[in-house]
Amino acid sequence: MSHPRYLLLPLNLITITLALLSQRSQAQLSPSFYDCTCSDVSAIVRSTVQQAQTSDPRIYASLTRLFFHDCFVQGCDGSILLVDSSTIQSEQDARPNKNSARGFNVVDDIKTAVENACPGVVSCADILALAAEASVNLAGGPSWTVLLGRRDSTTANFTAAGNLPGPFDNLTTLQKKFSDVGLHDIDLVTLSGAHTFGRGQCQFFSNSRLYNFNGTGKPDPTLNSTYRTILEQNCPQGGNGSVLNNLDPITPNKFDGNYYINLQNHRGLFTSDQELLSDPNATTTASIVNNFAGNQRAFFNSFVQSMIKMGNISPLTGSSGEIRTNCSVVNSGSGLELHIQIRHDSDTGSAAE
């Protein structure tokens, strides 16, 4: 019986080949990807995001979160933006996103502005990456050079979206979910630091931390008592679960290192936050928390590296995917997609730097 030739390759050679293919995919992302086709894209995104914040103080945190929730589900491909259709079950309806993920209207505004300047060129996946960087920096955080060249998926994954890192996760679960996408303890602690701005709903912590910790009918004993009183006033037992609470009670709209100081003072809002420090066996994550609490510059430097690393999770590049005309739906015909692909590839010869 004959076998396909590739089945005769040594296992180590197959492993090396797969690794090289993965590196090639990541290498195709480049900071200069749109230099010849849409050189003003970063400025357009930043301006639109900044304008949105004037009427929505939460939008910086919301757009940053959208990028997280996109990348953790089948890679950074804009799949979170797709709405229900005859062939797609939207990730927006999965429990971690439903009535929680937001900022889609601003992404639409950015896409409109970008399309007006450079029609058919910039992917929605890259818009999410650029919007996250702009949001962090405009809120007082670091800036970084965003690698670009992602294409948009034509599918979504509702099931995988239901397994996003969540507010009730313990440390072991968080480590597993991050490891599954190639991220490690330093990335887990660093990216959790994005909870230095934004809001959290009562339903995601009140019962588990205020009223029935581990089924005891009592509050979490590790929760700072003064902080607990504030939360109980805002989230009474049996009250409205959608009421918002500052993730960082000190500087709720600013991107800074106070998140880690809050953890040291047992003021982490979600179980998943405080788990980074409260578990006595969490020597790795605890040491990182303590380092960042005393060194904001170290946190900022690490955040830049982890965001770039997260942005490299399974991007669609080259001939894969498409450039959506409307971020919420796939393109209607392959003719438009082929036209965009040819123009895009021919105009960006240095995209694989």
Protein backbone atom coordinates (compact mmCIF):
# COMPACT_ATOMS: atom_id res chain seq x y z
CA MET A 1 0.00 0.00 0.00
CA SER A 2 1.48 3.35 -1.00
CA HIS A 3 1.47 6.37 1.29
CA PRO A 4 1.53 10.09 0.53
CA ARG A 5 5.13 11.22 0.55
CA TYR A 6 4.63 13.72 3.36
CA LEU A 7 3.65 10.93 5.73
CA LEU A 8 7.19 9.58 5.45
CA LEU A 9 8.75 12.76 6.80
CA PRO A 10 10.38 12.41 10.23
CA LEU A 11 8.23 13.81 13.04
CA ASN A 12 10.83 16.39 13.98
CA LEU A 13 10.94 17.68 10.38
CA ILE A 14 7.14 18.02 10.35
CA THR A 15 7.33 19.94 13.62
CA ILE A 16 10.01 22.28 12.25
CA THR A 17 8.01 22.82 9.06
CA LEU A 18 4.86 23.73 10.99
CA ALA A 19 6.85 26.11 13.19
CA LEU A 20 8.31 27.82 10.13
CA LEU A 21 4.86 28.20 8.58
CA SER A 22 3.62 29.78 11.81
CA GLN A 23 6.57 32.17 11.92
CA ARG A 24 5.98 33.07 8.27
CA SER A 25 2.36 33.98 9.02
CA GLN A 26 3.43 36.22 11.88
CA ALA A 27 6.28 37.72 9.85
CA GLN A 28 3.79 38.91 7.25
CA LEU A 29 2.49 41.45 9.75
CA SER A 30 4.40 44.68 9.33
CA PRO A 31 4.19 48.22 10.74
CA SER A 32 4.58 49.53 7.17
CA PHE A 33 1.85 47.37 5.64
CA TYR A 34 -0.37 50.32 4.68
CA ASP A 35 2.36 52.87 3.96
CA CYS A 36 1.64 52.84 0.23
CA THR A 37 -2.11 52.17 0.32
CA CYS A 38 -3.46 54.02 3.38
CA SER A 39 -0.68 55.95 5.06
CA ASP A 40 -3.02 57.94 7.31
CA VAL A 41 -4.88 54.95 8.74
CA SER A 42 -3.40 55.23 12.26
CA ALA A 43 -4.26 58.93 12.47
CA ILE A 44 -7.80 58.29 11.20
CA VAL A 45 -8.37 55.58 13.80
CA ARG A 46 -6.93 57.67 16.61
CA SER A 47 -8.98 60.73 15.71
CA THR A 48 -12.23 58.76 15.55
CA VAL A 49 -11.57 57.01 18.84
CA GLN A 50 -10.71 60.30 20.54
CA GLN A 51 -13.89 61.89 19.24
CA ALA A 52 -15.98 58.96 20.49
CA GLN A 53 -14.58 59.38 23.99
CA THR A 54 -16.01 62.87 24.32
CA SER A 55 -19.49 61.37 24.61
CA ASP A 56 -18.54 57.94 26.02
CA PRO A 57 -15.87 57.96 28.77
CA ARG A 58 -15.85 54.14 28.79
CA ILE A 59 -15.00 53.69 25.13
CA TYR A 60 -11.21 53.43 25.55
CA ALA A 61 -11.60 50.41 27.82
CA SER A 62 -14.36 48.93 25.68
CA LEU A 63 -12.33 49.05 22.46
CA THR A 64 -9.31 47.55 24.19
CA ARG A 65 -11.49 44.71 25.46
CA LEU A 66 -12.88 44.07 21.97
CA PHE A 67 -9.37 43.39 20.72
CA PHE A 68 -8.78 40.90 23.57
CA HIS A 69 -12.03 39.11 22.89
CA ASP A 70 -11.31 38.96 19.18
CA CYS A 71 -7.80 37.56 19.47
CA PHE A 72 -8.68 34.86 22.01
CA VAL A 73 -11.23 33.31 19.63
CA GLN A 74 -9.70 31.79 16.47
CA GLY A 75 -7.07 34.52 16.41
CA CYS A 76 -7.06 38.25 15.62
CA ASP A 77 -9.37 38.13 12.62
CA GLY A 78 -12.29 40.45 13.37
CA SER A 79 -14.63 37.53 14.00
CA ILE A 80 -16.15 39.20 17.08
CA LEU A 81 -17.58 41.92 14.84
CA LEU A 82 -19.74 39.56 12.77
CA VAL A 83 -23.46 39.52 13.53
CA ASP A 84 -25.90 36.64 13.14
CA SER A 85 -26.65 35.49 9.61
CA SER A 86 -27.86 32.34 7.87
CA THR A 87 -24.35 30.89 8.17
CA ILE A 88 -22.94 32.63 11.25
CA GLN A 89 -23.80 32.41 14.93
CA SER A 90 -22.36 35.62 16.32
CA GLU A 91 -19.71 35.56 19.03
CA GLN A 92 -21.44 38.63 20.41
CA ASP A 93 -24.18 36.38 21.77
CA ALA A 94 -21.79 34.15 23.73
CA ARG A 95 -22.08 34.66 27.50
CA PRO A 96 -18.77 36.56 27.97
CA ASN A 97 -19.85 39.07 25.30
CA LYS A 98 -23.63 39.27 25.48
CA ASN A 99 -24.81 42.62 26.85
CA SER A 100 -21.19 43.23 27.83
CA ALA A 101 -18.94 43.67 24.79
CA ARG A 102 -19.43 47.13 23.35
CA GLY A 103 -17.89 49.71 21.05
CA PHE A 104 -19.14 48.14 17.82
CA ASN A 105 -20.70 51.43 16.71
CA VAL A 106 -17.34 53.16 17.07
CA VAL A 107 -15.65 50.43 15.03
CA ASP A 108 -18.29 51.09 12.35
CA ASP A 109 -17.50 54.81 12.48
CA ILE A 110 -13.79 54.09 12.12
CA LYS A 111 -14.44 51.76 9.19
CA THR A 112 -16.54 54.42 7.46
CA ALA A 113 -13.81 57.01 7.90
CA VAL A 114 -11.11 54.63 6.69
CA GLU A 115 -13.20 53.51 3.70
CA ASN A 116 -13.74 57.13 2.70
CA ALA A 117 -9.99 57.64 2.65
CA CYS A 118 -8.82 54.24 1.40
CA PRO A 119 -11.68 52.10 0.06
CA GLY A 120 -11.23 48.35 0.19
CA VAL A 121 -7.78 48.41 1.78
CA VAL A 122 -7.82 48.17 5.60
CA SER A 123 -9.21 45.13 7.40
CA CYS A 124 -11.56 45.30 10.35
CA ALA A 125 -9.12 43.08 12.26
CA ASP A 126 -6.40 45.72 11.85
CA ILE A 127 -8.85 48.45 12.86
CA LEU A 128 -9.39 46.61 16.17
CA ALA A 129 -5.62 46.40 16.72
CA LEU A 130 -5.13 50.10 15.97
CA ALA A 131 -8.13 51.15 18.06
CA ALA A 132 -6.79 49.24 21.08
CA GLU A 133 -3.39 50.93 20.85
CA ALA A 134 -4.95 54.35 20.41
CA SER A 135 -7.31 53.77 23.34
CA VAL A 136 -4.57 52.72 25.74
CA ASN A 137 -2.33 55.62 24.78
CA LEU A 138 -5.08 58.24 24.85
CA ALA A 139 -6.01 57.06 28.35
CA GLY A 140 -2.48 57.74 29.57
CA GLY A 141 -0.87 54.40 28.81
CA PRO A 142 2.03 53.44 26.56
CA SER A 143 2.16 53.68 22.79
CA TRP A 144 3.55 51.06 20.45
CA THR A 145 4.03 50.38 16.78
CA VAL A 146 1.13 48.17 15.70
CA LEU A 147 1.98 45.33 13.33
CA LEU A 148 -0.53 45.27 10.47
CA GLY A 149 -1.63 43.14 7.56
CA ARG A 150 -4.36 40.99 9.09
CA ARG A 151 -7.31 39.97 6.97
CA ASP A 152 -10.87 39.42 8.10
CA SER A 153 -12.39 36.02 8.73
CA THR A 154 -15.52 34.85 6.97
CA THR A 155 -16.51 32.74 9.99
CA ALA A 156 -17.16 33.17 13.70
CA ASN A 157 -16.89 30.70 16.58
CA PHE A 158 -19.72 31.05 19.08
CA THR A 159 -18.62 27.98 21.06
CA ALA A 160 -15.02 29.16 21.51
CA ALA A 161 -16.25 32.62 22.51
CA GLY A 162 -18.09 30.99 25.40
CA ASN A 163 -14.73 29.88 26.77
CA LEU A 164 -13.08 33.29 26.93
CA PRO A 165 -11.20 34.12 30.15
CA GLY A 166 -13.92 35.18 32.56
CA PRO A 167 -14.47 37.02 35.85
CA PHE A 168 -15.23 33.81 37.77
CA ASP A 169 -12.12 31.90 36.65
CA ASN A 170 -9.58 30.71 39.19
CA LEU A 171 -5.87 30.98 38.53
CA THR A 172 -5.44 27.47 37.12
CA THR A 173 -8.26 28.03 34.63
CA LEU A 174 -6.85 31.39 33.59
CA GLN A 175 -3.39 29.94 33.07
CA LYS A 176 -4.84 27.17 30.91
CA LYS A 177 -6.86 29.55 28.76
CA PHE A 178 -3.87 31.81 28.20
CA SER A 179 -1.55 28.89 27.54
CA ASP A 180 -3.96 27.53 24.94
CA VAL A 181 -3.35 30.61 22.78
CA GLY A 182 0.41 30.72 23.38
CA LEU A 183 0.43 33.22 26.24
CA HIS A 184 2.05 32.64 29.61
CA ASP A 185 2.01 33.90 33.21
CA ILE A 186 3.71 37.20 32.41
CA ASP A 187 1.14 37.83 29.67
CA LEU A 188 -1.72 36.81 31.96
CA VAL A 189 -0.73 39.27 34.68
CA THR A 190 0.21 41.99 32.22
CA LEU A 191 -2.92 41.84 30.08
CA SER A 192 -5.12 41.62 33.17
CA GLY A 193 -3.72 45.06 33.94
CA ALA A 194 -6.08 46.44 31.31
CA HIS A 195 -8.60 46.32 34.17
CA THR A 196 -6.95 49.52 35.30
CA PHE A 197 -9.74 51.30 33.40
CA GLY A 198 -13.34 50.55 32.48
CA ARG A 199 -16.34 49.17 34.37
CA GLY A 200 -17.70 45.83 35.55
CA GLN A 201 -21.32 44.81 36.08
CA CYS A 202 -22.59 43.63 39.48
CA GLN A 203 -23.67 40.28 38.04
CA PHE A 204 -20.06 39.33 37.38
CA PHE A 205 -18.90 39.50 40.98
CA SER A 206 -21.62 40.33 43.52
CA ASN A 207 -22.86 36.85 44.38
CA SER A 208 -19.48 35.14 44.27
CA ARG A 209 -17.62 37.81 46.22
CA LEU A 210 -20.17 39.71 48.30
CA TYR A 211 -22.89 37.28 49.33
CA ASN A 212 -22.07 33.64 48.68
CA PHE A 213 -18.34 33.06 48.44
CA ASN A 214 -17.72 29.41 47.55
CA GLY A 215 -21.27 28.56 48.63
CA THR A 216 -20.74 29.75 52.20
CA GLY A 217 -23.47 32.39 52.20
CA LYS A 218 -20.81 34.88 53.31
CA PRO A 219 -18.54 37.40 51.54
CA ASP A 220 -15.10 36.58 50.27
CA PRO A 221 -12.93 36.91 53.40
CA THR A 222 -10.01 38.25 51.35
CA LEU A 223 -12.00 41.24 50.07
CA ASN A 224 -11.05 44.57 51.64
CA SER A 225 -13.83 45.38 54.10
CA THR A 226 -14.08 49.07 53.21
CA TYR A 227 -14.18 48.23 49.53
CA ARG A 228 -16.78 45.53 50.19
CA THR A 229 -19.08 48.06 51.87
CA ILE A 230 -18.88 50.32 48.81
CA LEU A 231 -19.67 47.42 46.50
CA GLU A 232 -22.57 46.23 48.65
CA GLN A 233 -24.12 49.69 48.45
CA ASN A 234 -23.83 49.66 44.68
CA CYS A 235 -24.81 46.01 44.27
CA PRO A 236 -27.37 45.04 46.93
CA GLN A 237 -28.26 41.36 47.08
CA GLY A 238 -30.92 40.61 44.50
CA GLY A 239 -30.47 44.03 42.93
CA ASN A 240 -29.92 45.10 39.34
CA GLY A 241 -27.08 42.97 37.98
CA SER A 242 -26.24 45.37 35.18
CA VAL A 243 -25.21 48.25 37.47
CA LEU A 244 -21.67 49.37 36.66
CA ASN A 245 -18.70 49.54 39.02
CA ASN A 246 -15.26 50.98 38.43
CA LEU A 247 -12.67 48.29 37.81
CA ASP A 248 -10.15 50.65 39.39
CA PRO A 249 -11.73 52.74 42.17
CA ILE A 250 -8.74 55.08 42.25
CA THR A 251 -8.37 56.28 38.63
CA PRO A 252 -11.20 54.55 36.72
CA ASN A 253 -10.66 56.23 33.35
CA LYS A 254 -6.88 56.33 33.33
CA PHE A 255 -4.52 53.65 32.10
CA ASP A 256 -1.90 53.32 34.86
CA GLY A 257 -0.44 50.81 37.30
CA ASN A 258 -3.00 51.24 40.07
CA TYR A 259 -4.62 47.91 39.20
CA TYR A 260 -1.74 46.09 40.88
CA ILE A 261 -1.81 48.31 43.94
CA ASN A 262 -5.52 47.51 44.22
CA LEU A 263 -4.71 43.79 44.21
CA GLN A 264 -2.17 44.27 46.98
CA ASN A 265 -4.88 46.03 48.99
CA HIS A 266 -7.40 43.25 48.24
CA ARG A 267 -9.48 45.52 46.04
CA GLY A 268 -9.62 43.37 42.93
CA LEU A 269 -13.18 43.54 41.59
CA PHE A 270 -13.45 40.12 39.95
CA THR A 271 -12.40 36.74 41.28
CA SER A 272 -10.10 36.49 38.25
CA ASP A 273 -8.35 39.69 39.30
CA GLN A 274 -7.65 38.84 42.92
CA GLU A 275 -6.65 35.28 42.01
CA LEU A 276 -3.44 36.64 40.54
CA LEU A 277 -2.29 37.46 44.07
CA SER A 278 -4.50 35.72 46.61
CA ASP A 279 -3.59 32.11 45.85
CA PRO A 280 -0.73 31.20 48.22
CA ASN A 281 0.68 28.88 45.55
CA ALA A 282 0.66 31.57 42.88
CA THR A 283 4.31 32.43 43.38
CA THR A 284 4.89 33.29 39.72
CA THR A 285 1.90 35.56 39.21
CA ALA A 286 2.16 37.08 42.69
CA SER A 287 5.76 38.15 42.12
CA ILE A 288 4.80 39.80 38.83
CA VAL A 289 1.90 41.64 40.49
CA ASN A 290 4.18 42.92 43.23
CA ASN A 291 6.78 44.04 40.72
CA PHE A 292 4.26 45.99 38.64
CA ALA A 293 2.67 47.54 41.73
CA GLY A 294 5.97 49.26 42.48
CA ASN A 295 7.11 49.88 38.91
CA GLN A 296 4.60 51.30 36.44
CA ARG A 297 7.27 51.59 33.76
CA ALA A 298 7.89 47.85 33.96
CA PHE A 299 4.16 47.25 33.57
CA PHE A 300 3.93 49.55 30.56
CA ASN A 301 6.92 47.91 28.88
CA SER A 302 5.49 44.46 29.50
CA PHE A 303 2.04 45.53 28.31
CA VAL A 304 3.44 46.64 24.97
CA GLN A 305 5.19 43.31 24.49
CA SER A 306 2.16 41.25 25.51
CA MET A 307 -0.20 43.24 23.27
CA ILE A 308 2.09 42.71 20.29
CA LYS A 309 2.34 39.02 21.16
CA MET A 310 -1.43 38.70 21.54
CA GLY A 311 -1.91 40.53 18.24
CA ASN A 312 0.11 37.77 16.57
CA ILE A 313 -2.31 35.00 17.57
CA SER A 314 -3.21 33.18 14.34
CA PRO A 315 -3.69 36.19 12.07
CA LEU A 316 -5.15 35.64 8.62
CA THR A 317 -2.72 37.06 6.07
CA GLY A 318 -1.97 37.01 2.38
CA SER A 319 -4.65 35.24 0.36
CA SER A 320 -6.62 34.03 3.39
CA GLY A 321 -9.69 35.85 4.62
CA GLU A 322 -10.97 39.08 3.08
CA ILE A 323 -11.16 42.83 3.58
CA ARG A 324 -14.75 43.35 4.76
CA THR A 325 -16.57 46.34 3.36
CA ASN A 326 -18.85 46.28 6.41
CA CYS A 327 -17.24 44.98 9.59
CA SER A 328 -20.41 43.27 10.81
CA VAL A 329 -20.99 41.07 7.75
CA VAL A 330 -18.90 39.10 5.30
CA ASN A 331 -18.62 40.41 1.76
CA SER A 332 -21.37 39.25 -0.56
CA GLY A 333 -19.30 38.17 -3.54
CA SER A 334 -15.88 36.73 -4.28
CA GLY A 335 -15.37 39.17 -7.16
CA LEU A 336 -14.97 42.14 -4.81
CA GLU A 337 -12.75 40.13 -2.49
CA LEU A 338 -10.48 39.06 -5.36
CA HIS A 339 -10.23 42.64 -6.60
CA ILE A 340 -9.21 43.85 -3.16
CA GLN A 341 -6.71 41.06 -2.74
CA ILE A 342 -4.97 41.75 -6.04
CA ARG A 343 -4.77 45.49 -5.44
CA HIS A 344 -3.64 44.99 -1.83
CA ASP A 345 -0.96 42.44 -2.60
CA SER A 346 0.42 44.34 -5.57
CA ASP A 347 0.58 47.64 -3.67
CA THR A 348 2.39 46.30 -0.61
CA GLY A 349 5.40 44.40 -1.75
CA SER A 350 7.15 44.86 1.61
CA ALA A 351 4.26 43.45 3.66
CA ALA A 352 6.24 40.33 4.61
CA GLU A 353 9.15 42.18 6.27
